[in-house]
Amino acid sequence: MARAEALLCRQTVVHDADECSQSLSGWQQQYQQLGRGAFLGRLTEIAQGDCALIREATNRHHLERMAVPAGGLVIGIAETLAAGSLFDRRPLTAQCLLVLEGGQEHELLAAGPTAMLGLHLGAASLAAIAATPQGQALGRLREAAARGPIVLAPALADAIRCDLGRAAEQPGDGLPRPHSLRSLACAQFARAELAGSAAEATARESGVASERSRKTLIRALEFMQAHLTQAIRIDDICGASHASPSLLHHSFKTQRRCSAHRCLLAMRLTHARRELKTRPDQSITALAHALQFSSSSHFASQYRAMFGERPSELARYASPSRAFANSTLV
């Protein structure tokens, strides 16, 4: 029997949502912090060939847009989860098994402290599994996931969470033999003989009202992003998004778990943070006024509440070779 490839372990700690966006090689990710307080992210990645076991823990309400490398696939499950979290605009619970196809964009709204476990399989491993009996289980898994997050029985979800969590605790080559990451994945596929009715139920949660709410949110966010340096009111946002105040409120509360005002404040503060990273010598007073804060002291207090530090403390992040896009997640 061929000897299993070595397991390589990498651990990363970040104190900034933008740094999280760069933590997984080959992935397309973008994070936006929405909750107040210093951000902390911890990533453990155990790689073997074209497979990787990933554990990512964050401590703040945030939004993440992600796309797995093309040709690959990730199965994931929450290890710890804040109530009210969403995946692709649908409720995310401890019983949800996520399947992320390579090249497709997905959205995770973490309503608070969250830890996710994921097993990434590259194209070569997927092809090898397709030729085995577990290939049929994988095919059924992908078909069910196309209808929405897969809701497992609690005992099955706990078993998968336990398997992945235990493997993620092993440093480097400590993963017990004869297991490999590919065989670990096959074990989960064999377990997940899916209850199709549960998967269909989650898919039906996204109806016409949800689509209307999503369009309202997209228009509102685009308007807010384009007018960060202008004085705008809720009435202006409603007009730009073709929505009543109640629909606007509902759209932000259900899809961002915060108010439109709070989201606009977070967007302005994130914009300021990125500006200070790329140009740490600029005037904080001028930046505060440009972003419609009443004074530099008001800006500084809001900034510290949001990020857990003063604007002047950001110099340690500054890097002339690094730029952060001031885009928003819709």
Foldseek 3Di string as FASTA:
>chain_A
DDAFFWKAKDKDKDFDQQVVCVPDPQKGKHKFFQFWDTKIKMWMWIDGDQKIKIKIKIFGFMKMKIAHAAQKKKKKAWPDADAQKDKQLFGHDRQWIAMGHHPDIIMIGGHGITMMIMMMGHNVLLVVCCVDPLVVLVVVVVVLCVLHTAGHDVVLSVVLSVLSVVQSVQHIRRRDPPDDSSVNVSVNSVSPPGDSVRSNVRSVVCDPLNVLLVLLVVQLQVVLLVAQQHDDDLVRSCVSSVHDSVSQQVSCCSRRVDGSVSVSLSLLLVVLLQVCQQPVPDDLQVSCNSRPHPGSVSSQVSNCRHNVDGSNVSPVNHDNVDHDDSDDDD
